[in-house]
Amino acid sequence: MNILLKKLFARHQETGVQFIKFALIGVLNTSIHYLVFLALYRAGGMHYLLSSAIGYCVGLFNSFLLNKIWTFKTVNVRKDIEFLKFVVVNMVSLLVNMITLQVAVTLLHLIPEVGQIIAIILHTCTNFVGNKYWTFYQIKKNV
């Protein structure tokens, strides 16, 4: 029973550390996302949804590399398949972001800058779960 509890605690501790790393990378990528959004929306006069989508995609490659190497440390997997999964999870997260932003602006009557912040918070949860349990998931072998 004691060994089982230690394994359970270690697994949750690992997930906690991964979430912290994921969040730190997310702060960097979210900053990039938001700055590109602001630049395109404010300075470029682009529609807020298109501005947000482009900003989101700019951080995609950086996010993949840092999360693969630092957060989840995956090895011995086909990088093309892993990247494809990463893109799918991010597109689902982007959809969550866009729907949230649209609802915030049209139904809640928030300005896009505030709606975008709310959307970022909601899509972060979708993104972490999808990447941890699908994109970068590896079965741990007892050595």
N, C-alpha and C. Protein backbone atom coordinates (compact mmCIF):
# COMPACT_ATOMS: atom_id res chain seq x y z
N MET A 1 0.83 -1.20 0.00
CA MET A 1 0.00 0.00 0.00
C MET A 1 0.87 1.25 0.00
N ASN A 2 1.96 1.24 0.76
CA ASN A 2 2.86 2.38 0.86
C ASN A 2 3.50 2.69 -0.50
N ILE A 3 3.87 1.66 -1.25
CA ILE A 3 4.48 1.85 -2.57
C ILE A 3 3.46 2.46 -3.52
N LEU A 4 2.21 2.00 -3.44
CA LEU A 4 1.16 2.54 -4.28
C LEU A 4 0.94 4.03 -4.00
N LEU A 5 0.92 4.42 -2.75
CA LEU A 5 0.75 5.83 -2.38
C LEU A 5 1.92 6.68 -2.87
N LYS A 6 3.13 6.14 -2.77
CA LYS A 6 4.30 6.88 -3.25
C LYS A 6 4.22 7.09 -4.76
N LYS A 7 3.80 6.08 -5.51
CA LYS A 7 3.67 6.20 -6.96
C LYS A 7 2.59 7.21 -7.32
N LEU A 8 1.47 7.16 -6.60
CA LEU A 8 0.37 8.09 -6.86
C LEU A 8 0.81 9.52 -6.58
N PHE A 9 1.50 9.75 -5.47
CA PHE A 9 1.98 11.08 -5.12
C PHE A 9 3.00 11.56 -6.16
N ALA A 10 3.91 10.68 -6.56
CA ALA A 10 4.93 11.05 -7.55
C ALA A 10 4.29 11.45 -8.86
N ARG A 11 3.26 10.73 -9.26
CA ARG A 11 2.58 11.03 -10.53
C ARG A 11 1.91 12.40 -10.47
N HIS A 12 1.24 12.70 -9.35
CA HIS A 12 0.58 14.00 -9.22
C HIS A 12 1.61 15.12 -9.08
N GLN A 13 2.71 14.84 -8.42
CA GLN A 13 3.77 15.84 -8.29
C GLN A 13 4.36 16.14 -9.67
N GLU A 14 4.57 15.11 -10.47
CA GLU A 14 5.09 15.29 -11.83
C GLU A 14 4.12 16.15 -12.66
N THR A 15 2.84 15.86 -12.55
CA THR A 15 1.84 16.65 -13.29
C THR A 15 1.85 18.10 -12.84
N GLY A 16 2.00 18.34 -11.56
CA GLY A 16 2.08 19.70 -11.03
C GLY A 16 3.27 20.46 -11.58
N VAL A 17 4.42 19.81 -11.60
CA VAL A 17 5.63 20.43 -12.15
C VAL A 17 5.44 20.69 -13.65
N GLN A 18 4.86 19.72 -14.35
CA GLN A 18 4.61 19.91 -15.78
C GLN A 18 3.67 21.09 -16.02
N PHE A 19 2.64 21.21 -15.19
CA PHE A 19 1.71 22.33 -15.38
C PHE A 19 2.40 23.67 -15.16
N ILE A 20 3.28 23.73 -14.17
CA ILE A 20 4.01 24.98 -13.91
C ILE A 20 4.89 25.33 -15.11
N LYS A 21 5.62 24.35 -15.63
CA LYS A 21 6.45 24.59 -16.82
C LYS A 21 5.58 24.99 -18.00
N PHE A 22 4.47 24.26 -18.20
CA PHE A 22 3.54 24.57 -19.28
C PHE A 22 3.01 25.99 -19.14
N ALA A 23 2.71 26.38 -17.92
CA ALA A 23 2.19 27.73 -17.66
C ALA A 23 3.25 28.80 -17.95
N LEU A 24 4.49 28.53 -17.57
CA LEU A 24 5.55 29.50 -17.85
C LEU A 24 5.75 29.68 -19.35
N ILE A 25 5.78 28.57 -20.07
CA ILE A 25 5.86 28.65 -21.53
C ILE A 25 4.62 29.35 -22.07
N GLY A 26 3.50 29.05 -21.47
CA GLY A 26 2.25 29.68 -21.87
C GLY A 26 2.26 31.19 -21.69
N VAL A 27 2.89 31.66 -20.61
CA VAL A 27 2.99 33.11 -20.39
C VAL A 27 3.78 33.75 -21.53
N LEU A 28 4.88 33.11 -21.90
CA LEU A 28 5.67 33.62 -23.02
C LEU A 28 4.85 33.62 -24.31
N ASN A 29 4.22 32.50 -24.62
CA ASN A 29 3.45 32.39 -25.86
C ASN A 29 2.19 33.25 -25.84
N THR A 30 1.58 33.37 -24.69
CA THR A 30 0.41 34.23 -24.56
C THR A 30 0.79 35.69 -24.75
N SER A 31 1.95 36.06 -24.24
CA SER A 31 2.43 37.43 -24.45
C SER A 31 2.65 37.69 -25.93
N ILE A 32 3.26 36.73 -26.61
CA ILE A 32 3.45 36.86 -28.05
C ILE A 32 2.09 36.95 -28.75
N HIS A 33 1.18 36.05 -28.38
CA HIS A 33 -0.18 36.03 -28.96
C HIS A 33 -0.85 37.39 -28.79
N TYR A 34 -0.84 37.90 -27.58
CA TYR A 34 -1.55 39.15 -27.29
C TYR A 34 -0.89 40.35 -27.97
N LEU A 35 0.44 40.38 -27.99
CA LEU A 35 1.13 41.49 -28.65
C LEU A 35 0.86 41.50 -30.16
N VAL A 36 0.88 40.32 -30.77
CA VAL A 36 0.57 40.25 -32.20
C VAL A 36 -0.89 40.66 -32.42
N PHE A 37 -1.79 40.15 -31.57
CA PHE A 37 -3.21 40.53 -31.64
C PHE A 37 -3.37 42.05 -31.58
N LEU A 38 -2.74 42.67 -30.59
CA LEU A 38 -2.85 44.13 -30.45
C LEU A 38 -2.28 44.86 -31.66
N ALA A 39 -1.12 44.43 -32.12
CA ALA A 39 -0.49 45.08 -33.26
C ALA A 39 -1.37 44.99 -34.50
N LEU A 40 -1.91 43.82 -34.77
CA LEU A 40 -2.74 43.64 -35.96
C LEU A 40 -4.09 44.34 -35.82
N TYR A 41 -4.68 44.25 -34.64
CA TYR A 41 -6.00 44.84 -34.42
C TYR A 41 -5.93 46.37 -34.33
N ARG A 42 -5.03 46.85 -33.48
CA ARG A 42 -4.93 48.30 -33.25
C ARG A 42 -4.20 49.02 -34.38
N ALA A 43 -2.99 48.57 -34.65
CA ALA A 43 -2.16 49.28 -35.64
C ALA A 43 -2.51 48.89 -37.07
N GLY A 44 -2.89 47.63 -37.25
CA GLY A 44 -3.15 47.17 -38.61
C GLY A 44 -4.59 47.27 -39.05
N GLY A 45 -5.50 47.53 -38.10
CA GLY A 45 -6.91 47.64 -38.44
C GLY A 45 -7.56 46.34 -38.88
N MET A 46 -6.94 45.23 -38.53
CA MET A 46 -7.45 43.92 -38.91
C MET A 46 -8.61 43.53 -37.97
N HIS A 47 -9.53 42.71 -38.44
CA HIS A 47 -10.64 42.22 -37.61
C HIS A 47 -10.09 41.52 -36.38
N TYR A 48 -10.75 41.69 -35.24
CA TYR A 48 -10.23 41.14 -33.99
C TYR A 48 -10.11 39.62 -33.99
N LEU A 49 -11.03 38.90 -34.66
CA LEU A 49 -10.92 37.43 -34.68
C LEU A 49 -9.73 36.98 -35.53
N LEU A 50 -9.53 37.60 -36.67
CA LEU A 50 -8.38 37.25 -37.50
C LEU A 50 -7.08 37.63 -36.80
N SER A 51 -7.07 38.77 -36.16
CA SER A 51 -5.89 39.20 -35.40
C SER A 51 -5.54 38.19 -34.32
N SER A 52 -6.55 37.70 -33.64
CA SER A 52 -6.33 36.71 -32.59
C SER A 52 -5.82 35.39 -33.15
N ALA A 53 -6.39 34.94 -34.25
CA ALA A 53 -5.97 33.67 -34.85
C ALA A 53 -4.51 33.73 -35.30
N ILE A 54 -4.12 34.83 -35.91
CA ILE A 54 -2.73 34.96 -36.36
C ILE A 54 -1.79 35.03 -35.16
N GLY A 55 -2.16 35.78 -34.15
CA GLY A 55 -1.35 35.86 -32.94
C GLY A 55 -1.17 34.51 -32.29
N TYR A 56 -2.22 33.74 -32.27
CA TYR A 56 -2.18 32.40 -31.68
C TYR A 56 -1.19 31.51 -32.43
N CYS A 57 -1.23 31.58 -33.74
CA CYS A 57 -0.37 30.72 -34.56
C CYS A 57 1.10 31.10 -34.47
N VAL A 58 1.39 32.37 -34.22
CA VAL A 58 2.78 32.82 -34.13
C VAL A 58 3.52 32.08 -33.00
N GLY A 59 2.85 31.87 -31.88
CA GLY A 59 3.49 31.19 -30.76
C GLY A 59 3.49 29.67 -30.85
N LEU A 60 2.86 29.12 -31.86
CA LEU A 60 2.69 27.67 -31.96
C LEU A 60 4.01 26.91 -32.03
N PHE A 61 4.92 27.33 -32.87
CA PHE A 61 6.17 26.59 -33.04
C PHE A 61 7.05 26.68 -31.80
N ASN A 62 7.15 27.85 -31.22
CA ASN A 62 7.91 28.01 -29.98
C ASN A 62 7.32 27.13 -28.88
N SER A 63 6.03 27.12 -28.78
CA SER A 63 5.35 26.33 -27.77
C SER A 63 5.63 24.84 -27.94
N PHE A 64 5.55 24.36 -29.18
CA PHE A 64 5.81 22.94 -29.44
C PHE A 64 7.21 22.55 -28.99
N LEU A 65 8.20 23.30 -29.42
CA LEU A 65 9.58 22.95 -29.09
C LEU A 65 9.85 22.99 -27.59
N LEU A 66 9.43 24.07 -26.93
CA LEU A 66 9.70 24.18 -25.50
C LEU A 66 8.95 23.13 -24.68
N ASN A 67 7.69 22.87 -25.04
CA ASN A 67 6.94 21.86 -24.29
C ASN A 67 7.46 20.45 -24.55
N LYS A 68 7.88 20.17 -25.76
CA LYS A 68 8.44 18.85 -26.08
C LYS A 68 9.74 18.61 -25.30
N ILE A 69 10.61 19.61 -25.34
CA ILE A 69 11.94 19.45 -24.75
C ILE A 69 11.93 19.62 -23.23
N TRP A 70 11.23 20.63 -22.74
CA TRP A 70 11.35 21.00 -21.33
C TRP A 70 10.20 20.49 -20.46
N THR A 71 8.97 20.63 -20.91
CA THR A 71 7.82 20.27 -20.08
C THR A 71 7.58 18.77 -20.03
N PHE A 72 7.41 18.16 -21.19
CA PHE A 72 7.02 16.75 -21.25
C PHE A 72 8.17 15.82 -21.58
N LYS A 73 9.28 16.33 -22.09
CA LYS A 73 10.51 15.57 -22.34
C LYS A 73 10.27 14.27 -23.08
N THR A 74 9.57 14.34 -24.19
CA THR A 74 9.28 13.12 -24.94
C THR A 74 10.48 12.73 -25.79
N VAL A 75 10.67 11.43 -25.89
CA VAL A 75 11.75 10.88 -26.70
C VAL A 75 11.22 9.66 -27.45
N ASN A 76 11.97 9.28 -28.47
CA ASN A 76 11.65 8.06 -29.23
C ASN A 76 10.24 8.04 -29.80
N VAL A 77 9.79 9.17 -30.28
CA VAL A 77 8.50 9.22 -30.94
C VAL A 77 8.69 9.90 -32.29
N ARG A 78 7.78 9.64 -33.18
CA ARG A 78 7.83 10.30 -34.49
C ARG A 78 7.43 11.76 -34.31
N LYS A 79 8.37 12.62 -34.58
CA LYS A 79 8.14 14.06 -34.37
C LYS A 79 7.04 14.59 -35.28
N ASP A 80 6.90 14.03 -36.47
CA ASP A 80 5.86 14.51 -37.38
C ASP A 80 4.47 14.20 -36.83
N ILE A 81 4.30 12.99 -36.29
CA ILE A 81 3.01 12.61 -35.68
C ILE A 81 2.75 13.45 -34.43
N GLU A 82 3.79 13.62 -33.63
CA GLU A 82 3.67 14.41 -32.41
C GLU A 82 3.30 15.86 -32.74
N PHE A 83 3.94 16.42 -33.76
CA PHE A 83 3.61 17.79 -34.15
C PHE A 83 2.19 17.89 -34.68
N LEU A 84 1.76 16.90 -35.46
CA LEU A 84 0.39 16.89 -35.97
C LEU A 84 -0.62 16.86 -34.82
N LYS A 85 -0.37 16.02 -33.82
CA LYS A 85 -1.23 15.98 -32.64
C LYS A 85 -1.23 17.34 -31.93
N PHE A 86 -0.05 17.94 -31.82
CA PHE A 86 0.09 19.24 -31.18
C PHE A 86 -0.76 20.29 -31.90
N VAL A 87 -0.70 20.26 -33.21
CA VAL A 87 -1.48 21.21 -34.01
C VAL A 87 -2.98 20.97 -33.81
N VAL A 88 -3.40 19.70 -33.78
CA VAL A 88 -4.82 19.39 -33.57
C VAL A 88 -5.29 19.92 -32.21
N VAL A 89 -4.51 19.65 -31.16
CA VAL A 89 -4.87 20.14 -29.82
C VAL A 89 -4.92 21.67 -29.83
N ASN A 90 -3.97 22.29 -30.48
CA ASN A 90 -3.95 23.76 -30.53
C ASN A 90 -5.10 24.31 -31.35
N MET A 91 -5.52 23.62 -32.38
CA MET A 91 -6.67 24.10 -33.17
C MET A 91 -7.96 23.98 -32.35
N VAL A 92 -8.08 22.91 -31.57
CA VAL A 92 -9.24 22.79 -30.68
C VAL A 92 -9.19 23.92 -29.64
N SER A 93 -8.01 24.16 -29.09
CA SER A 93 -7.85 25.25 -28.12
C SER A 93 -8.13 26.60 -28.77
N LEU A 94 -7.69 26.77 -30.00
CA LEU A 94 -7.98 28.01 -30.72
C LEU A 94 -9.48 28.19 -30.92
N LEU A 95 -10.17 27.10 -31.23
CA LEU A 95 -11.63 27.17 -31.38
C LEU A 95 -12.28 27.60 -30.06
N VAL A 96 -11.82 27.03 -28.96
CA VAL A 96 -12.31 27.44 -27.63
C VAL A 96 -12.05 28.94 -27.44
N ASN A 97 -10.85 29.38 -27.82
CA ASN A 97 -10.49 30.78 -27.69
C ASN A 97 -11.41 31.67 -28.53
N MET A 98 -11.62 31.30 -29.78
CA MET A 98 -12.41 32.13 -30.69
C MET A 98 -13.88 32.20 -30.27
N ILE A 99 -14.44 31.06 -29.86
CA ILE A 99 -15.84 31.05 -29.40
C ILE A 99 -15.98 31.92 -28.14
N THR A 100 -15.04 31.76 -27.22
CA THR A 100 -15.08 32.56 -25.99
C THR A 100 -14.97 34.05 -26.31
N LEU A 101 -14.05 34.41 -27.20
CA LEU A 101 -13.88 35.80 -27.58
C LEU A 101 -15.14 36.34 -28.25
N GLN A 102 -15.73 35.57 -29.13
CA GLN A 102 -16.95 36.00 -29.82
C GLN A 102 -18.09 36.22 -28.83
N VAL A 103 -18.25 35.28 -27.90
CA VAL A 103 -19.29 35.41 -26.87
C VAL A 103 -19.03 36.63 -25.98
N ALA A 104 -17.78 36.81 -25.60
CA ALA A 104 -17.44 37.94 -24.73
C ALA A 104 -17.75 39.28 -25.41
N VAL A 105 -17.48 39.37 -26.70
CA VAL A 105 -17.69 40.63 -27.42
C VAL A 105 -19.15 40.84 -27.78
N THR A 106 -19.80 39.79 -28.33
CA THR A 106 -21.16 39.99 -28.85
C THR A 106 -22.26 39.82 -27.79
N LEU A 107 -22.09 38.90 -26.88
CA LEU A 107 -23.14 38.67 -25.87
C LEU A 107 -22.89 39.42 -24.56
N LEU A 108 -21.63 39.46 -24.14
CA LEU A 108 -21.32 40.13 -22.88
C LEU A 108 -20.95 41.61 -23.08
N HIS A 109 -20.78 42.00 -24.33
CA HIS A 109 -20.48 43.38 -24.70
C HIS A 109 -19.19 43.90 -24.07
N LEU A 110 -18.20 43.00 -24.00
CA LEU A 110 -16.89 43.41 -23.52
C LEU A 110 -16.07 43.90 -24.71
N ILE A 111 -15.09 44.72 -24.44
CA ILE A 111 -14.20 45.14 -25.51
C ILE A 111 -13.31 43.94 -25.87
N PRO A 112 -12.89 43.83 -27.12
CA PRO A 112 -12.09 42.67 -27.53
C PRO A 112 -10.83 42.45 -26.70
N GLU A 113 -10.19 43.51 -26.24
CA GLU A 113 -8.97 43.36 -25.44
C GLU A 113 -9.23 42.60 -24.14
N VAL A 114 -10.36 42.82 -23.52
CA VAL A 114 -10.72 42.12 -22.28
C VAL A 114 -11.25 40.72 -22.60
N GLY A 115 -12.05 40.61 -23.63
CA GLY A 115 -12.56 39.30 -24.05
C GLY A 115 -11.44 38.34 -24.39
N GLN A 116 -10.38 38.87 -25.00
CA GLN A 116 -9.24 38.02 -25.35
C GLN A 116 -8.56 37.46 -24.11
N ILE A 117 -8.45 38.23 -23.07
CA ILE A 117 -7.84 37.74 -21.83
C ILE A 117 -8.66 36.59 -21.24
N ILE A 118 -9.96 36.73 -21.23
CA ILE A 118 -10.84 35.65 -20.74
C ILE A 118 -10.69 34.41 -21.61
N ALA A 119 -10.64 34.60 -22.91
CA ALA A 119 -10.50 33.48 -23.84
C ALA A 119 -9.19 32.75 -23.63
N ILE A 120 -8.12 33.47 -23.37
CA ILE A 120 -6.81 32.86 -23.13
C ILE A 120 -6.85 31.97 -21.90
N ILE A 121 -7.49 32.42 -20.85
CA ILE A 121 -7.57 31.62 -19.62
C ILE A 121 -8.30 30.29 -19.89
N LEU A 122 -9.41 30.35 -20.60
CA LEU A 122 -10.19 29.13 -20.85
C LEU A 122 -9.48 28.15 -21.80
N HIS A 123 -8.83 28.68 -22.82
CA HIS A 123 -8.19 27.74 -23.75
C HIS A 123 -6.93 27.12 -23.18
N THR A 124 -6.31 27.74 -22.17
CA THR A 124 -5.11 27.17 -21.56
C THR A 124 -5.40 25.81 -20.93
N CYS A 125 -6.52 25.67 -20.28
CA CYS A 125 -6.89 24.39 -19.66
C CYS A 125 -7.09 23.31 -20.73
N THR A 126 -7.77 23.65 -21.80
CA THR A 126 -7.98 22.71 -22.91
C THR A 126 -6.64 22.28 -23.48
N ASN A 127 -5.76 23.21 -23.66
CA ASN A 127 -4.46 22.95 -24.26
C ASN A 127 -3.60 22.03 -23.39
N PHE A 128 -3.52 22.29 -22.09
CA PHE A 128 -2.69 21.47 -21.21
C PHE A 128 -3.18 20.03 -21.18
N VAL A 129 -4.46 19.84 -20.97
CA VAL A 129 -5.01 18.48 -20.89
C VAL A 129 -4.79 17.72 -22.19
N GLY A 130 -5.06 18.35 -23.31
CA GLY A 130 -4.88 17.69 -24.60
C GLY A 130 -3.43 17.32 -24.87
N ASN A 131 -2.52 18.22 -24.53
CA ASN A 131 -1.11 17.93 -24.78
C ASN A 131 -0.53 16.92 -23.81
N LYS A 132 -0.91 17.00 -22.56
CA LYS A 132 -0.38 16.04 -21.58
C LYS A 132 -0.88 14.63 -21.85
N TYR A 133 -2.16 14.50 -22.14
CA TYR A 133 -2.75 13.16 -22.23
C TYR A 133 -2.92 12.63 -23.65
N TRP A 134 -2.50 13.41 -24.65
CA TRP A 134 -2.57 12.89 -26.01
C TRP A 134 -1.29 13.18 -26.79
N THR A 135 -0.95 14.44 -26.98
CA THR A 135 0.20 14.79 -27.81
C THR A 135 1.50 14.20 -27.27
N PHE A 136 1.81 14.51 -26.02
CA PHE A 136 3.10 14.14 -25.44
C PHE A 136 2.98 12.96 -24.48
N TYR A 137 1.90 12.23 -24.55
CA TYR A 137 1.69 11.11 -23.64
C TYR A 137 2.62 9.96 -23.98
N GLN A 138 3.32 9.47 -22.98
CA GLN A 138 4.17 8.30 -23.13
C GLN A 138 3.92 7.39 -21.94
N ILE A 139 3.79 6.11 -22.22
CA ILE A 139 3.59 5.15 -21.15
C ILE A 139 4.91 5.01 -20.41
N LYS A 140 4.85 5.19 -19.11
CA LYS A 140 6.04 5.08 -18.27
C LYS A 140 6.29 3.60 -17.98
N LYS A 141 7.51 3.17 -18.20
CA LYS A 141 7.89 1.78 -17.93
C LYS A 141 8.68 1.72 -16.63
N ASN A 142 8.35 0.75 -15.82
CA ASN A 142 9.11 0.56 -14.57
C ASN A 142 10.45 -0.08 -14.91
N VAL A 143 11.50 0.54 -14.42
CA VAL A 143 12.85 0.04 -14.72
C VAL A 143 13.34 -0.80 -13.59
